[in-house]
Amino acid sequence: MEIEEIGVGARLGMRGLKNRGMMEISENPKSGDFVLVISKGIRRRWLMFNVPQGMWRVKCSKEEVSEAMNKFLAEKILA
């Protein structure tokens, strides 16, 4: 596994890769709960919009974030 920090230019340079999914992690400042928005099969439409094949929202505690991410990777994104 390779982990490296990249900038915007490097991210834009990865256009030729097939997008399998996107994951966004947000925190509700009032309750402290985490909200995960997970999308599968992102396709670019009309040169402007990214349209997912499926999208899910998961509300969980900080301790459950890793478990939820692993579950969706295994069952939805990488399946």
PDB file of N, CA and C in Angstrom:
ATOM      1  N   MET A   1       0.848  -1.161   0.000  1.00  0.00           N
ATOM      2  CA  MET A   1       0.000   0.000   0.000  1.00  0.00           C
ATOM      3  C   MET A   1       0.899   1.231   0.000  1.00  0.00           C
ATOM      4  N   GLU A   2       0.544   2.178  -0.851  1.00  0.00           N
ATOM      5  CA  GLU A   2       1.266   3.447  -0.905  1.00  0.00           C
ATOM      6  C   GLU A   2       0.327   4.570  -0.492  1.00  0.00           C
ATOM      7  N   ILE A   3       0.776   5.407   0.416  1.00  0.00           N
ATOM      8  CA  ILE A   3      -0.001   6.568   0.838  1.00  0.00           C
ATOM      9  C   ILE A   3       0.855   7.795   0.622  1.00  0.00           C
ATOM     10  N   GLU A   4       0.304   8.764  -0.097  1.00  0.00           N
ATOM     11  CA  GLU A   4       1.024  10.011  -0.318  1.00  0.00           C
ATOM     12  C   GLU A   4       0.040  11.167  -0.354  1.00  0.00           C
ATOM     13  N   GLU A   5       0.480  12.300   0.098  1.00  0.00           N
ATOM     14  CA  GLU A   5      -0.347  13.492   0.047  1.00  0.00           C
ATOM     15  C   GLU A   5      -0.206  14.113  -1.333  1.00  0.00           C
ATOM     16  N   ILE A   6      -1.335  14.501  -1.935  1.00  0.00           N
ATOM     17  CA  ILE A   6      -1.303  15.079  -3.274  1.00  0.00           C
ATOM     18  C   ILE A   6      -2.019  16.417  -3.279  1.00  0.00           C
ATOM     19  N   GLY A   7      -1.791  17.179  -4.314  1.00  0.00           N
ATOM     20  CA  GLY A   7      -2.470  18.456  -4.488  1.00  0.00           C
ATOM     21  C   GLY A   7      -3.573  18.348  -5.525  1.00  0.00           C
ATOM     22  N   VAL A   8      -4.200  19.471  -5.796  1.00  0.00           N
ATOM     23  CA  VAL A   8      -5.304  19.507  -6.747  1.00  0.00           C
ATOM     24  C   VAL A   8      -4.835  19.123  -8.149  1.00  0.00           C
ATOM     25  N   GLY A   9      -3.664  19.579  -8.548  1.00  0.00           N
ATOM     26  CA  GLY A   9      -3.146  19.269  -9.881  1.00  0.00           C
ATOM     27  C   GLY A   9      -2.975  17.775 -10.097  1.00  0.00           C
ATOM     28  N   ALA A  10      -2.465  17.082  -9.078  1.00  0.00           N
ATOM     29  CA  ALA A  10      -2.295  15.632  -9.186  1.00  0.00           C
ATOM     30  C   ALA A  10      -3.650  14.931  -9.259  1.00  0.00           C
ATOM     31  N   ARG A  11      -4.631  15.447  -8.534  1.00  0.00           N
ATOM     32  CA  ARG A  11      -5.975  14.853  -8.570  1.00  0.00           C
ATOM     33  C   ARG A  11      -6.607  15.032  -9.947  1.00  0.00           C
ATOM     34  N   LEU A  12      -6.448  16.197 -10.534  1.00  0.00           N
ATOM     35  CA  LEU A  12      -6.979  16.441 -11.872  1.00  0.00           C
ATOM     36  C   LEU A  12      -6.276  15.577 -12.919  1.00  0.00           C
ATOM     37  N   GLY A  13      -5.030  15.234 -12.676  1.00  0.00           N
ATOM     38  CA  GLY A  13      -4.278  14.394 -13.594  1.00  0.00           C
ATOM     39  C   GLY A  13      -4.717  12.944 -13.593  1.00  0.00           C
ATOM     40  N   MET A  14      -5.586  12.561 -12.687  1.00  0.00           N
ATOM     41  CA  MET A  14      -6.042  11.171 -12.598  1.00  0.00           C
ATOM     42  C   MET A  14      -7.367  10.959 -13.314  1.00  0.00           C
ATOM     43  N   ARG A  15      -7.688  11.774 -14.290  1.00  0.00           N
ATOM     44  CA  ARG A  15      -8.967  11.703 -15.000  1.00  0.00           C
ATOM     45  C   ARG A  15      -9.205  10.379 -15.707  1.00  0.00           C
ATOM     46  N   GLY A  16      -8.165   9.717 -16.163  1.00  0.00           N
ATOM     47  CA  GLY A  16      -8.337   8.483 -16.931  1.00  0.00           C
ATOM     48  C   GLY A  16      -8.692   7.269 -16.089  1.00  0.00           C
ATOM     49  N   LEU A  17      -8.683   7.396 -14.766  1.00  0.00           N
ATOM     50  CA  LEU A  17      -8.998   6.255 -13.909  1.00  0.00           C
ATOM     51  C   LEU A  17     -10.504   6.030 -13.838  1.00  0.00           C
ATOM     52  N   LYS A  18     -10.907   4.781 -13.693  1.00  0.00           N
ATOM     53  CA  LYS A  18     -12.329   4.449 -13.558  1.00  0.00           C
ATOM     54  C   LYS A  18     -12.752   4.735 -12.120  1.00  0.00           C
ATOM     55  N   ASN A  19     -13.760   5.537 -11.955  1.00  0.00           N
ATOM     56  CA  ASN A  19     -14.230   5.924 -10.634  1.00  0.00           C
ATOM     57  C   ASN A  19     -15.184   4.864 -10.100  1.00  0.00           C
ATOM     58  N   ARG A  20     -14.777   4.146  -9.072  1.00  0.00           N
ATOM     59  CA  ARG A  20     -15.597   3.081  -8.487  1.00  0.00           C
ATOM     60  C   ARG A  20     -16.554   3.612  -7.432  1.00  0.00           C
ATOM     61  N   GLY A  21     -16.202   4.725  -6.799  1.00  0.00           N
ATOM     62  CA  GLY A  21     -17.070   5.276  -5.774  1.00  0.00           C
ATOM     63  C   GLY A  21     -16.411   6.423  -5.047  1.00  0.00           C
ATOM     64  N   MET A  22     -17.216   7.141  -4.281  1.00  0.00           N
ATOM     65  CA  MET A  22     -16.717   8.248  -3.485  1.00  0.00           C
ATOM     66  C   MET A  22     -17.268   8.114  -2.072  1.00  0.00           C
ATOM     67  N   MET A  23     -16.468   8.539  -1.099  1.00  0.00           N
ATOM     68  CA  MET A  23     -16.891   8.509   0.291  1.00  0.00           C
ATOM     69  C   MET A  23     -16.628   9.866   0.913  1.00  0.00           C
ATOM     70  N   GLU A  24     -17.627  10.382   1.583  1.00  0.00           N
ATOM     71  CA  GLU A  24     -17.511  11.671   2.254  1.00  0.00           C
ATOM     72  C   GLU A  24     -17.860  11.460   3.725  1.00  0.00           C
ATOM     73  N   ILE A  25     -17.017  11.972   4.599  1.00  0.00           N
ATOM     74  CA  ILE A  25     -17.235  11.821   6.038  1.00  0.00           C
ATOM     75  C   ILE A  25     -17.457  13.202   6.624  1.00  0.00           C
ATOM     76  N   SER A  26     -18.611  13.396   7.260  1.00  0.00           N
ATOM     77  CA  SER A  26     -18.939  14.667   7.902  1.00  0.00           C
ATOM     78  C   SER A  26     -19.308  14.404   9.353  1.00  0.00           C
ATOM     79  N   GLU A  27     -19.184  15.447  10.182  1.00  0.00           N
ATOM     80  CA  GLU A  27     -19.532  15.330  11.593  1.00  0.00           C
ATOM     81  C   GLU A  27     -20.588  16.368  11.938  1.00  0.00           C
ATOM     82  N   ASN A  28     -21.625  15.931  12.634  1.00  0.00           N
ATOM     83  CA  ASN A  28     -22.661  16.831  13.102  1.00  0.00           C
ATOM     84  C   ASN A  28     -22.154  17.500  14.379  1.00  0.00           C
ATOM     85  N   PRO A  29     -21.911  18.822  14.356  1.00  0.00           N
ATOM     86  CA  PRO A  29     -21.336  19.474  15.535  1.00  0.00           C
ATOM     87  C   PRO A  29     -22.279  19.485  16.741  1.00  0.00           C
ATOM     88  N   LYS A  30     -23.578  19.401  16.513  1.00  0.00           N
ATOM     89  CA  LYS A  30     -24.539  19.424  17.619  1.00  0.00           C
ATOM     90  C   LYS A  30     -24.582  18.100  18.370  1.00  0.00           C
ATOM     91  N   SER A  31     -24.684  17.008  17.627  1.00  0.00           N
ATOM     92  CA  SER A  31     -24.833  15.692  18.264  1.00  0.00           C
ATOM     93  C   SER A  31     -23.515  14.937  18.392  1.00  0.00           C
ATOM     94  N   GLY A  32     -22.518  15.296  17.595  1.00  0.00           N
ATOM     95  CA  GLY A  32     -21.255  14.566  17.603  1.00  0.00           C
ATOM     96  C   GLY A  32     -21.283  13.315  16.745  1.00  0.00           C
ATOM     97  N   ASP A  33     -22.432  13.009  16.132  1.00  0.00           N
ATOM     98  CA  ASP A  33     -22.534  11.845  15.247  1.00  0.00           C
ATOM     99  C   ASP A  33     -21.819  12.120  13.933  1.00  0.00           C
ATOM    100  N   PHE A  34     -21.404  11.054  13.298  1.00  0.00           N
ATOM    101  CA  PHE A  34     -20.769  11.162  11.993  1.00  0.00           C
ATOM    102  C   PHE A  34     -21.775  10.756  10.928  1.00  0.00           C
ATOM    103  N   VAL A  35     -21.729  11.414   9.797  1.00  0.00           N
ATOM    104  CA  VAL A  35     -22.604  11.113   8.671  1.00  0.00           C
ATOM    105  C   VAL A  35     -21.722  10.774   7.479  1.00  0.00           C
ATOM    106  N   LEU A  36     -21.888   9.564   6.955  1.00  0.00           N
ATOM    107  CA  LEU A  36     -21.123   9.120   5.798  1.00  0.00           C
ATOM    108  C   LEU A  36     -22.040   9.157   4.588  1.00  0.00           C
ATOM    109  N   VAL A  37     -21.574   9.748   3.506  1.00  0.00           N
ATOM    110  CA  VAL A  37     -22.293   9.714   2.241  1.00  0.00           C
ATOM    111  C   VAL A  37     -21.425   8.906   1.291  1.00  0.00           C
ATOM    112  N   ILE A  38     -21.932   7.766   0.858  1.00  0.00           N
ATOM    113  CA  ILE A  38     -21.159   6.834   0.047  1.00  0.00           C
ATOM    114  C   ILE A  38     -21.858   6.673  -1.299  1.00  0.00           C
ATOM    115  N   SER A  39     -21.110   6.893  -2.368  1.00  0.00           N
ATOM    116  CA  SER A  39     -21.649   6.778  -3.724  1.00  0.00           C
ATOM    117  C   SER A  39     -20.910   5.690  -4.473  1.00  0.00           C
ATOM    118  N   LYS A  40     -21.624   4.987  -5.332  1.00  0.00           N
ATOM    119  CA  LYS A  40     -21.036   3.901  -6.124  1.00  0.00           C
ATOM    120  C   LYS A  40     -21.152   4.233  -7.602  1.00  0.00           C
ATOM    121  N   GLY A  41     -20.097   3.930  -8.360  1.00  0.00           N
ATOM    122  CA  GLY A  41     -20.131   4.014  -9.815  1.00  0.00           C
ATOM    123  C   GLY A  41     -20.360   5.410 -10.350  1.00  0.00           C
ATOM    124  N   ILE A  42     -19.517   6.338 -10.002  1.00  0.00           N
ATOM    125  CA  ILE A  42     -19.679   7.725 -10.431  1.00  0.00           C
ATOM    126  C   ILE A  42     -19.370   7.837 -11.933  1.00  0.00           C
ATOM    127  N   ARG A  43     -20.310   8.433 -12.666  1.00  0.00           N
ATOM    128  CA  ARG A  43     -20.116   8.666 -14.105  1.00  0.00           C
ATOM    129  C   ARG A  43     -20.293  10.145 -14.390  1.00  0.00           C
ATOM    130  N   ARG A  44     -19.478  10.671 -15.271  1.00  0.00           N
ATOM    131  CA  ARG A  44     -19.605  12.068 -15.664  1.00  0.00           C
ATOM    132  C   ARG A  44     -20.648  12.173 -16.762  1.00  0.00           C
ATOM    133  N   ARG A  45     -21.616  13.064 -16.586  1.00  0.00           N
ATOM    134  CA  ARG A  45     -22.675  13.277 -17.561  1.00  0.00           C
ATOM    135  C   ARG A  45     -22.643  14.725 -18.024  1.00  0.00           C
ATOM    136  N   TRP A  46     -22.841  14.931 -19.264  1.00  0.00           N
ATOM    137  CA  TRP A  46     -22.943  16.261 -19.864  1.00  0.00           C
ATOM    138  C   TRP A  46     -21.741  17.151 -19.530  1.00  0.00           C
ATOM    139  N   LEU A  47     -20.593  16.528 -19.295  1.00  0.00           N
ATOM    140  CA  LEU A  47     -19.334  17.218 -18.996  1.00  0.00           C
ATOM    141  C   LEU A  47     -19.377  18.069 -17.734  1.00  0.00           C
ATOM    142  N   MET A  48     -20.446  18.002 -16.987  1.00  0.00           N
ATOM    143  CA  MET A  48     -20.538  18.852 -15.804  1.00  0.00           C
ATOM    144  C   MET A  48     -20.946  18.103 -14.538  1.00  0.00           C
ATOM    145  N   PHE A  49     -21.807  17.104 -14.656  1.00  0.00           N
ATOM    146  CA  PHE A  49     -22.389  16.476 -13.479  1.00  0.00           C
ATOM    147  C   PHE A  49     -21.811  15.089 -13.255  1.00  0.00           C
ATOM    148  N   ASN A  50     -21.566  14.752 -12.000  1.00  0.00           N
ATOM    149  CA  ASN A  50     -21.179  13.400 -11.630  1.00  0.00           C
ATOM    150  C   ASN A  50     -22.416  12.686 -11.124  1.00  0.00           C
ATOM    151  N   VAL A  51     -22.811  11.606 -11.793  1.00  0.00           N
ATOM    152  CA  VAL A  51     -24.035  10.887 -11.470  1.00  0.00           C
ATOM    153  C   VAL A  51     -23.681   9.509 -10.908  1.00  0.00           C
ATOM    154  N   PRO A  52     -24.067   9.211  -9.673  1.00  0.00           N
ATOM    155  CA  PRO A  52     -23.775   7.892  -9.112  1.00  0.00           C
ATOM    156  C   PRO A  52     -24.822   6.861  -9.504  1.00  0.00           C
ATOM    157  N   GLN A  53     -24.416   5.591  -9.535  1.00  0.00           N
ATOM    158  CA  GLN A  53     -25.360   4.494  -9.757  1.00  0.00           C
ATOM    159  C   GLN A  53     -26.158   4.220  -8.494  1.00  0.00           C
ATOM    160  N   GLY A  54     -25.562   4.446  -7.361  1.00  0.00           N
ATOM    161  CA  GLY A  54     -26.226   4.257  -6.076  1.00  0.00           C
ATOM    162  C   GLY A  54     -25.617   5.176  -5.046  1.00  0.00           C
ATOM    163  N   MET A  55     -26.401   5.567  -4.049  1.00  0.00           N
ATOM    164  CA  MET A  55     -25.901   6.465  -3.017  1.00  0.00           C
ATOM    165  C   MET A  55     -26.557   6.100  -1.678  1.00  0.00           C
ATOM    166  N   TRP A  56     -25.755   6.116  -0.606  1.00  0.00           N
ATOM    167  CA  TRP A  56     -26.229   5.759   0.721  1.00  0.00           C
ATOM    168  C   TRP A  56     -25.762   6.779   1.740  1.00  0.00           C
ATOM    169  N   ARG A  57     -26.554   6.949   2.803  1.00  0.00           N
ATOM    170  CA  ARG A  57     -26.165   7.789   3.934  1.00  0.00           C
ATOM    171  C   ARG A  57     -26.149   6.909   5.171  1.00  0.00           C
ATOM    172  N   VAL A  58     -25.087   7.014   5.945  1.00  0.00           N
ATOM    173  CA  VAL A  58     -24.942   6.240   7.177  1.00  0.00           C
ATOM    174  C   VAL A  58     -24.719   7.221   8.321  1.00  0.00           C
ATOM    175  N   LYS A  59     -25.546   7.146   9.361  1.00  0.00           N
ATOM    176  CA  LYS A  59     -25.352   7.936  10.571  1.00  0.00           C
ATOM    177  C   LYS A  59     -24.801   6.999  11.629  1.00  0.00           C
ATOM    178  N   CYS A  60     -23.663   7.369  12.224  1.00  0.00           N
ATOM    179  CA  CYS A  60     -23.035   6.484  13.188  1.00  0.00           C
ATOM    180  C   CYS A  60     -22.161   7.275  14.156  1.00  0.00           C
ATOM    181  N   SER A  61     -21.685   6.593  15.177  1.00  0.00           N
ATOM    182  CA  SER A  61     -20.764   7.210  16.130  1.00  0.00           C
ATOM    183  C   SER A  61     -19.350   7.167  15.557  1.00  0.00           C
ATOM    184  N   LYS A  62     -18.440   7.873  16.188  1.00  0.00           N
ATOM    185  CA  LYS A  62     -17.047   7.909  15.733  1.00  0.00           C
ATOM    186  C   LYS A  62     -16.436   6.509  15.717  1.00  0.00           C
ATOM    187  N   GLU A  63     -16.804   5.694  16.687  1.00  0.00           N
ATOM    188  CA  GLU A  63     -16.247   4.347  16.784  1.00  0.00           C
ATOM    189  C   GLU A  63     -16.747   3.436  15.668  1.00  0.00           C
ATOM    190  N   GLU A  64     -17.904   3.730  15.092  1.00  0.00           N
ATOM    191  CA  GLU A  64     -18.503   2.885  14.063  1.00  0.00           C
ATOM    192  C   GLU A  64     -18.114   3.281  12.634  1.00  0.00           C
ATOM    193  N   VAL A  65     -17.404   4.398  12.454  1.00  0.00           N
ATOM    194  CA  VAL A  65     -17.061   4.888  11.114  1.00  0.00           C
ATOM    195  C   VAL A  65     -16.250   3.855  10.340  1.00  0.00           C
ATOM    196  N   SER A  66     -15.206   3.340  10.943  1.00  0.00           N
ATOM    197  CA  SER A  66     -14.341   2.370  10.265  1.00  0.00           C
ATOM    198  C   SER A  66     -15.115   1.113   9.865  1.00  0.00           C
ATOM    199  N   GLU A  67     -15.948   0.629  10.752  1.00  0.00           N
ATOM    200  CA  GLU A  67     -16.752  -0.566  10.466  1.00  0.00           C
ATOM    201  C   GLU A  67     -17.722  -0.310   9.311  1.00  0.00           C
ATOM    202  N   ALA A  68     -18.376   0.851   9.316  1.00  0.00           N
ATOM    203  CA  ALA A  68     -19.319   1.179   8.244  1.00  0.00           C
ATOM    204  C   ALA A  68     -18.608   1.306   6.905  1.00  0.00           C
ATOM    205  N   MET A  69     -17.439   1.940   6.891  1.00  0.00           N
ATOM    206  CA  MET A  69     -16.677   2.095   5.649  1.00  0.00           C
ATOM    207  C   MET A  69     -16.260   0.730   5.103  1.00  0.00           C
ATOM    208  N   ASN A  70     -15.745  -0.124   5.970  1.00  0.00           N
ATOM    209  CA  ASN A  70     -15.322  -1.457   5.526  1.00  0.00           C
ATOM    210  C   ASN A  70     -16.493  -2.271   4.996  1.00  0.00           C
ATOM    211  N   LYS A  71     -17.651  -2.172   5.647  1.00  0.00           N
ATOM    212  CA  LYS A  71     -18.834  -2.914   5.213  1.00  0.00           C
ATOM    213  C   LYS A  71     -19.275  -2.474   3.818  1.00  0.00           C
ATOM    214  N   PHE A  72     -19.336  -1.155   3.583  1.00  0.00           N
ATOM    215  CA  PHE A  72     -19.772  -0.671   2.282  1.00  0.00           C
ATOM    216  C   PHE A  72     -18.733  -0.950   1.201  1.00  0.00           C
ATOM    217  N   LEU A  73     -17.458  -0.869   1.538  1.00  0.00           N
ATOM    218  CA  LEU A  73     -16.434  -1.234   0.553  1.00  0.00           C
ATOM    219  C   LEU A  73     -16.597  -2.669   0.108  1.00  0.00           C
ATOM    220  N   ALA A  74     -16.748  -3.565   1.063  1.00  0.00           N
ATOM    221  CA  ALA A  74     -16.849  -4.991   0.748  1.00  0.00           C
ATOM    222  C   ALA A  74     -18.145  -5.346   0.044  1.00  0.00           C
ATOM    223  N   GLU A  75     -19.273  -4.785   0.486  1.00  0.00           N
ATOM    224  CA  GLU A  75     -20.579  -5.210  -0.031  1.00  0.00           C
ATOM    225  C   GLU A  75     -21.052  -4.436  -1.260  1.00  0.00           C
ATOM    226  N   LYS A  76     -20.685  -3.186  -1.385  1.00  0.00           N
ATOM    227  CA  LYS A  76     -21.251  -2.346  -2.454  1.00  0.00           C
ATOM    228  C   LYS A  76     -20.221  -1.902  -3.478  1.00  0.00           C
ATOM    229  N   ILE A  77     -19.110  -1.352  -3.040  1.00  0.00           N
ATOM    230  CA  ILE A  77     -18.147  -0.725  -3.946  1.00  0.00           C
ATOM    231  C   ILE A  77     -17.265  -1.746  -4.653  1.00  0.00           C
ATOM    232  N   LEU A  78     -16.685  -2.665  -3.909  1.00  0.00           N
ATOM    233  CA  LEU A  78     -15.713  -3.607  -4.482  1.00  0.00           C
ATOM    234  C   LEU A  78     -16.332  -4.929  -4.916  1.00  0.00           C
ATOM    235  N   ALA A  79     -17.596  -5.132  -4.639  1.00  0.00           N
ATOM    236  CA  ALA A  79     -18.265  -6.401  -4.995  1.00  0.00           C
ATOM    237  C   ALA A  79     -18.435  -6.549  -6.483  1.00  0.00           C
TER     238      ALA A  79
END
